[in-house]
Amino acid sequence: MPTALAAPAASGVDYCVIARRNDSLGSRRRWLIFTALCAVSLALAAAFAAFGAWLVLPYSVLEMGVLFLAFRLFERHAGDWERLCVQGDRVIVERERAGVATAQEFNRFWTRVEWEQGGFGRPPRLAVCYGAVRVPFGDNLAAGARAAVARELRRALAGGGCGR
């Protein structure tokens, strides 16, 4: 379950929210479970092979290979996070996806929040827009948390700043 943490306004920050995946299992336990699954699957396959059903063994190895790829993909994205801060006249969107960090900065007064309602089988989407640039935010959040972030962000963009 993804989580969102709203940071209190401090040191000139009007609004800040951090969204990250919930990695309750952790890397070490995840690979321990994978090792246990491999041991059980290969032991059963070896037992079947010993009784003459040798074709079970290659399928078990293939199954563990696919499971390894799935665990590796999950591990790669386990540390993903996003941070959106409104600070003075700036809106800063930082994110890390699969170990690649990016940061974008926009003018607060020209930034808008777009909320796209979800359709059948599609969750609602939140995006921070500046001109033609559209940066999605909160894809790992539950729909309710994403809606709350959209409301708070609209308030933060509308209030404060010089001349507003």
C-alpha atoms as a PDB file:
ATOM      1  CA  MET A   1       0.000   0.000   0.000  1.00  0.00           C
ATOM      2  CA  PRO A   2       1.532   3.339  -1.050  1.00  0.00           C
ATOM      3  CA  THR A   3       1.940   6.108   1.474  1.00  0.00           C
ATOM      4  CA  ALA A   4       1.987   9.889   1.393  1.00  0.00           C
ATOM      5  CA  LEU A   5       3.510  12.118   3.999  1.00  0.00           C
ATOM      6  CA  ALA A   6       2.702  15.815   4.193  1.00  0.00           C
ATOM      7  CA  ALA A   7       5.500  17.851   5.686  1.00  0.00           C
ATOM      8  CA  PRO A   8       4.713  20.891   7.831  1.00  0.00           C
ATOM      9  CA  ALA A   9       5.449  24.308   6.398  1.00  0.00           C
ATOM     10  CA  ALA A  10       8.934  25.218   7.568  1.00  0.00           C
ATOM     11  CA  SER A  11      11.812  27.298   6.249  1.00  0.00           C
ATOM     12  CA  GLY A  12       9.770  29.006   3.529  1.00  0.00           C
ATOM     13  CA  VAL A  13       7.982  25.890   2.270  1.00  0.00           C
ATOM     14  CA  ASP A  14       4.260  26.556   1.797  1.00  0.00           C
ATOM     15  CA  TYR A  15       3.341  22.968   0.934  1.00  0.00           C
ATOM     16  CA  CYS A  16       5.292  19.740   0.570  1.00  0.00           C
ATOM     17  CA  VAL A  17       4.168  16.164  -0.003  1.00  0.00           C
ATOM     18  CA  ILE A  18       6.250  13.022  -0.385  1.00  0.00           C
ATOM     19  CA  ALA A  19       4.829   9.897  -2.006  1.00  0.00           C
ATOM     20  CA  ARG A  20       6.635   6.590  -1.836  1.00  0.00           C
ATOM     21  CA  ARG A  21       5.863   2.917  -2.171  1.00  0.00           C
ATOM     22  CA  ASN A  22       5.303   0.897   0.961  1.00  0.00           C
ATOM     23  CA  ASP A  23       8.097  -1.666   1.074  1.00  0.00           C
ATOM     24  CA  SER A  24       7.081  -3.492   4.233  1.00  0.00           C
ATOM     25  CA  LEU A  25       8.938  -6.669   3.319  1.00  0.00           C
ATOM     26  CA  GLY A  26      12.339  -5.174   2.589  1.00  0.00           C
ATOM     27  CA  SER A  27      15.027  -6.362   0.216  1.00  0.00           C
ATOM     28  CA  ARG A  28      16.610  -8.980   2.456  1.00  0.00           C
ATOM     29  CA  ARG A  29      13.326 -10.725   3.304  1.00  0.00           C
ATOM     30  CA  ARG A  30      12.135 -10.546  -0.302  1.00  0.00           C
ATOM     31  CA  TRP A  31      15.221 -12.454  -1.514  1.00  0.00           C
ATOM     32  CA  LEU A  32      14.958 -14.868   1.409  1.00  0.00           C
ATOM     33  CA  ILE A  33      11.416 -15.732   0.308  1.00  0.00           C
ATOM     34  CA  PHE A  34      12.620 -16.132  -3.277  1.00  0.00           C
ATOM     35  CA  THR A  35      15.354 -18.526  -2.118  1.00  0.00           C
ATOM     36  CA  ALA A  36      12.831 -20.566  -0.110  1.00  0.00           C
ATOM     37  CA  LEU A  37      10.467 -20.758  -3.103  1.00  0.00           C
ATOM     38  CA  CYS A  38      13.340 -21.906  -5.331  1.00  0.00           C
ATOM     39  CA  ALA A  39      14.386 -24.574  -2.855  1.00  0.00           C
ATOM     40  CA  VAL A  40      10.862 -25.995  -2.530  1.00  0.00           C
ATOM     41  CA  SER A  41      10.129 -25.894  -6.262  1.00  0.00           C
ATOM     42  CA  LEU A  42      13.421 -27.445  -7.310  1.00  0.00           C
ATOM     43  CA  ALA A  43      13.218 -30.112  -4.585  1.00  0.00           C
ATOM     44  CA  LEU A  44       9.750 -31.136  -5.789  1.00  0.00           C
ATOM     45  CA  ALA A  45      10.929 -31.098  -9.415  1.00  0.00           C
ATOM     46  CA  ALA A  46      13.944 -33.245  -8.525  1.00  0.00           C
ATOM     47  CA  ALA A  47      11.677 -35.716  -6.723  1.00  0.00           C
ATOM     48  CA  PHE A  48       9.398 -35.990  -9.766  1.00  0.00           C
ATOM     49  CA  ALA A  49      12.455 -36.358 -12.016  1.00  0.00           C
ATOM     50  CA  ALA A  50      13.715 -39.203  -9.818  1.00  0.00           C
ATOM     51  CA  PHE A  51      10.426 -41.053 -10.414  1.00  0.00           C
ATOM     52  CA  GLY A  52      10.710 -40.637 -14.172  1.00  0.00           C
ATOM     53  CA  ALA A  53       8.817 -37.380 -14.764  1.00  0.00           C
ATOM     54  CA  TRP A  54      11.992 -35.568 -15.797  1.00  0.00           C
ATOM     55  CA  LEU A  55      10.133 -32.930 -17.866  1.00  0.00           C
ATOM     56  CA  VAL A  56       9.010 -31.295 -14.636  1.00  0.00           C
ATOM     57  CA  LEU A  57      12.580 -30.160 -13.922  1.00  0.00           C
ATOM     58  CA  PRO A  58      13.055 -27.788 -16.924  1.00  0.00           C
ATOM     59  CA  TYR A  59       9.633 -26.246 -16.311  1.00  0.00           C
ATOM     60  CA  SER A  60      10.513 -25.678 -12.656  1.00  0.00           C
ATOM     61  CA  VAL A  61      13.777 -23.985 -13.667  1.00  0.00           C
ATOM     62  CA  LEU A  62      11.874 -21.839 -16.186  1.00  0.00           C
ATOM     63  CA  GLU A  63       9.301 -20.945 -13.524  1.00  0.00           C
ATOM     64  CA  MET A  64      12.023 -19.859 -11.091  1.00  0.00           C
ATOM     65  CA  GLY A  65      13.677 -17.791 -13.841  1.00  0.00           C
ATOM     66  CA  VAL A  66      10.444 -15.907 -14.486  1.00  0.00           C
ATOM     67  CA  LEU A  67       9.927 -15.456 -10.750  1.00  0.00           C
ATOM     68  CA  PHE A  68      13.494 -14.112 -10.464  1.00  0.00           C
ATOM     69  CA  LEU A  69      12.762 -11.518 -13.188  1.00  0.00           C
ATOM     70  CA  ALA A  70       9.546 -10.469 -11.409  1.00  0.00           C
ATOM     71  CA  PHE A  71      11.342 -10.101  -8.060  1.00  0.00           C
ATOM     72  CA  ARG A  72      14.160  -8.156  -9.708  1.00  0.00           C
ATOM     73  CA  LEU A  73      11.704  -5.764 -11.393  1.00  0.00           C
ATOM     74  CA  PHE A  74       9.921  -5.230  -8.081  1.00  0.00           C
ATOM     75  CA  GLU A  75      13.267  -4.667  -6.318  1.00  0.00           C
ATOM     76  CA  ARG A  76      14.250  -2.096  -8.920  1.00  0.00           C
ATOM     77  CA  HIS A  77      11.167   0.010  -8.198  1.00  0.00           C
ATOM     78  CA  ALA A  78      10.919  -0.613  -4.426  1.00  0.00           C
ATOM     79  CA  GLY A  79      12.768   2.621  -3.627  1.00  0.00           C
ATOM     80  CA  ASP A  80      10.810   4.891  -5.993  1.00  0.00           C
ATOM     81  CA  TRP A  81       9.595   8.175  -4.497  1.00  0.00           C
ATOM     82  CA  GLU A  82       8.144  11.556  -5.493  1.00  0.00           C
ATOM     83  CA  ARG A  83       8.252  14.926  -3.734  1.00  0.00           C
ATOM     84  CA  LEU A  84       6.263  18.016  -4.649  1.00  0.00           C
ATOM     85  CA  CYS A  85       7.019  21.293  -2.847  1.00  0.00           C
ATOM     86  CA  VAL A  86       5.540  24.758  -3.198  1.00  0.00           C
ATOM     87  CA  GLN A  87       8.143  27.193  -1.943  1.00  0.00           C
ATOM     88  CA  GLY A  88       7.669  30.919  -2.477  1.00  0.00           C
ATOM     89  CA  ASP A  89       7.257  31.501  -6.222  1.00  0.00           C
ATOM     90  CA  ARG A  90       8.469  28.023  -7.149  1.00  0.00           C
ATOM     91  CA  VAL A  91       6.906  24.592  -7.548  1.00  0.00           C
ATOM     92  CA  ILE A  92       9.506  21.836  -7.388  1.00  0.00           C
ATOM     93  CA  VAL A  93       8.728  18.276  -8.501  1.00  0.00           C
ATOM     94  CA  GLU A  94      11.416  15.711  -7.697  1.00  0.00           C
ATOM     95  CA  ARG A  95      11.240  11.989  -8.329  1.00  0.00           C
ATOM     96  CA  GLU A  96      13.323   8.881  -8.418  1.00  0.00           C
ATOM     97  CA  ARG A  97      12.291   6.004 -10.642  1.00  0.00           C
ATOM     98  CA  ALA A  98      14.415   2.853 -10.870  1.00  0.00           C
ATOM     99  CA  GLY A  99      17.419   4.710  -9.480  1.00  0.00           C
ATOM    100  CA  VAL A 100      17.166   7.678 -11.873  1.00  0.00           C
ATOM    101  CA  ALA A 101      16.527  10.994 -10.100  1.00  0.00           C
ATOM    102  CA  THR A 102      14.913  13.952 -11.866  1.00  0.00           C
ATOM    103  CA  ALA A 103      13.879  17.404 -10.700  1.00  0.00           C
ATOM    104  CA  GLN A 104      11.728  20.020 -12.402  1.00  0.00           C
ATOM    105  CA  GLU A 105      11.005  23.539 -11.236  1.00  0.00           C
ATOM    106  CA  PHE A 106       8.087  25.726 -12.323  1.00  0.00           C
ATOM    107  CA  ASN A 107       6.812  29.227 -11.649  1.00  0.00           C
ATOM    108  CA  ARG A 108       4.061  28.988  -9.035  1.00  0.00           C
ATOM    109  CA  PHE A 109       1.767  31.508 -10.718  1.00  0.00           C
ATOM    110  CA  TRP A 110       1.807  29.723 -14.088  1.00  0.00           C
ATOM    111  CA  THR A 111       1.462  26.225 -12.692  1.00  0.00           C
ATOM    112  CA  ARG A 112      -1.888  24.461 -12.741  1.00  0.00           C
ATOM    113  CA  VAL A 113      -3.185  21.180 -11.345  1.00  0.00           C
ATOM    114  CA  GLU A 114      -5.025  18.833 -13.689  1.00  0.00           C
ATOM    115  CA  TRP A 115      -7.258  16.071 -12.386  1.00  0.00           C
ATOM    116  CA  GLU A 116      -8.347  13.440 -14.867  1.00  0.00           C
ATOM    117  CA  GLN A 117     -11.238  11.282 -13.699  1.00  0.00           C
ATOM    118  CA  GLY A 118     -10.631   7.587 -14.001  1.00  0.00           C
ATOM    119  CA  GLY A 119     -12.590   5.468 -16.372  1.00  0.00           C
ATOM    120  CA  PHE A 120     -13.480   1.794 -16.398  1.00  0.00           C
ATOM    121  CA  GLY A 121     -10.451  -0.036 -14.991  1.00  0.00           C
ATOM    122  CA  ARG A 122      -8.372   3.147 -14.976  1.00  0.00           C
ATOM    123  CA  PRO A 123      -7.569   5.083 -11.790  1.00  0.00           C
ATOM    124  CA  PRO A 124      -7.873   8.880 -11.655  1.00  0.00           C
ATOM    125  CA  ARG A 125      -4.680  10.769 -12.528  1.00  0.00           C
ATOM    126  CA  LEU A 126      -3.097  13.893 -11.055  1.00  0.00           C
ATOM    127  CA  ALA A 127      -0.683  16.064 -13.038  1.00  0.00           C
ATOM    128  CA  VAL A 128       1.184  19.304 -12.438  1.00  0.00           C
ATOM    129  CA  CYS A 129       1.207  21.368 -15.640  1.00  0.00           C
ATOM    130  CA  TYR A 130       3.289  24.332 -16.740  1.00  0.00           C
ATOM    131  CA  GLY A 131       2.627  25.431 -20.310  1.00  0.00           C
ATOM    132  CA  ALA A 132       2.950  22.339 -22.484  1.00  0.00           C
ATOM    133  CA  VAL A 133       4.869  20.420 -19.816  1.00  0.00           C
ATOM    134  CA  ARG A 134       2.727  17.873 -17.957  1.00  0.00           C
ATOM    135  CA  VAL A 135       4.273  16.017 -15.010  1.00  0.00           C
ATOM    136  CA  PRO A 136       2.191  13.186 -13.524  1.00  0.00           C
ATOM    137  CA  PHE A 137       2.332  12.930  -9.737  1.00  0.00           C
ATOM    138  CA  GLY A 138       1.170  10.376  -7.193  1.00  0.00           C
ATOM    139  CA  ASP A 139       0.785   7.338  -9.430  1.00  0.00           C
ATOM    140  CA  ASN A 140       1.657   5.140  -6.442  1.00  0.00           C
ATOM    141  CA  LEU A 141      -0.985   6.725  -4.201  1.00  0.00           C
ATOM    142  CA  ALA A 142      -4.471   5.402  -3.580  1.00  0.00           C
ATOM    143  CA  ALA A 143      -7.210   7.338  -5.399  1.00  0.00           C
ATOM    144  CA  GLY A 144      -8.442   9.003  -2.179  1.00  0.00           C
ATOM    145  CA  ALA A 145      -4.951  10.144  -1.190  1.00  0.00           C
ATOM    146  CA  ARG A 146      -4.329  11.408  -4.725  1.00  0.00           C
ATOM    147  CA  ALA A 147      -7.562  13.450  -4.593  1.00  0.00           C
ATOM    148  CA  ALA A 148      -6.574  14.925  -1.214  1.00  0.00           C
ATOM    149  CA  VAL A 149      -3.156  15.906  -2.593  1.00  0.00           C
ATOM    150  CA  ALA A 150      -4.856  17.567  -5.580  1.00  0.00           C
ATOM    151  CA  ARG A 151      -7.127  19.626  -3.293  1.00  0.00           C
ATOM    152  CA  GLU A 152      -4.276  20.692  -1.007  1.00  0.00           C
ATOM    153  CA  LEU A 153      -2.033  21.516  -3.942  1.00  0.00           C
ATOM    154  CA  ARG A 154      -4.712  23.699  -5.543  1.00  0.00           C
ATOM    155  CA  ARG A 155      -5.059  25.571  -2.240  1.00  0.00           C
ATOM    156  CA  ALA A 156      -1.317  25.982  -1.961  1.00  0.00           C
ATOM    157  CA  LEU A 157      -1.000  27.312  -5.511  1.00  0.00           C
ATOM    158  CA  ALA A 158      -3.906  29.715  -5.071  1.00  0.00           C
ATOM    159  CA  GLY A 159      -2.813  31.183  -1.731  1.00  0.00           C
ATOM    160  CA  GLY A 160       0.328  33.042  -0.785  1.00  0.00           C
ATOM    161  CA  GLY A 161       2.999  34.671  -2.862  1.00  0.00           C
ATOM    162  CA  CYS A 162       3.453  38.295  -3.912  1.00  0.00           C
ATOM    163  CA  GLY A 163       0.378  39.985  -5.312  1.00  0.00           C
ATOM    164  CA  ARG A 164      -2.022  37.093  -4.698  1.00  0.00           C
END
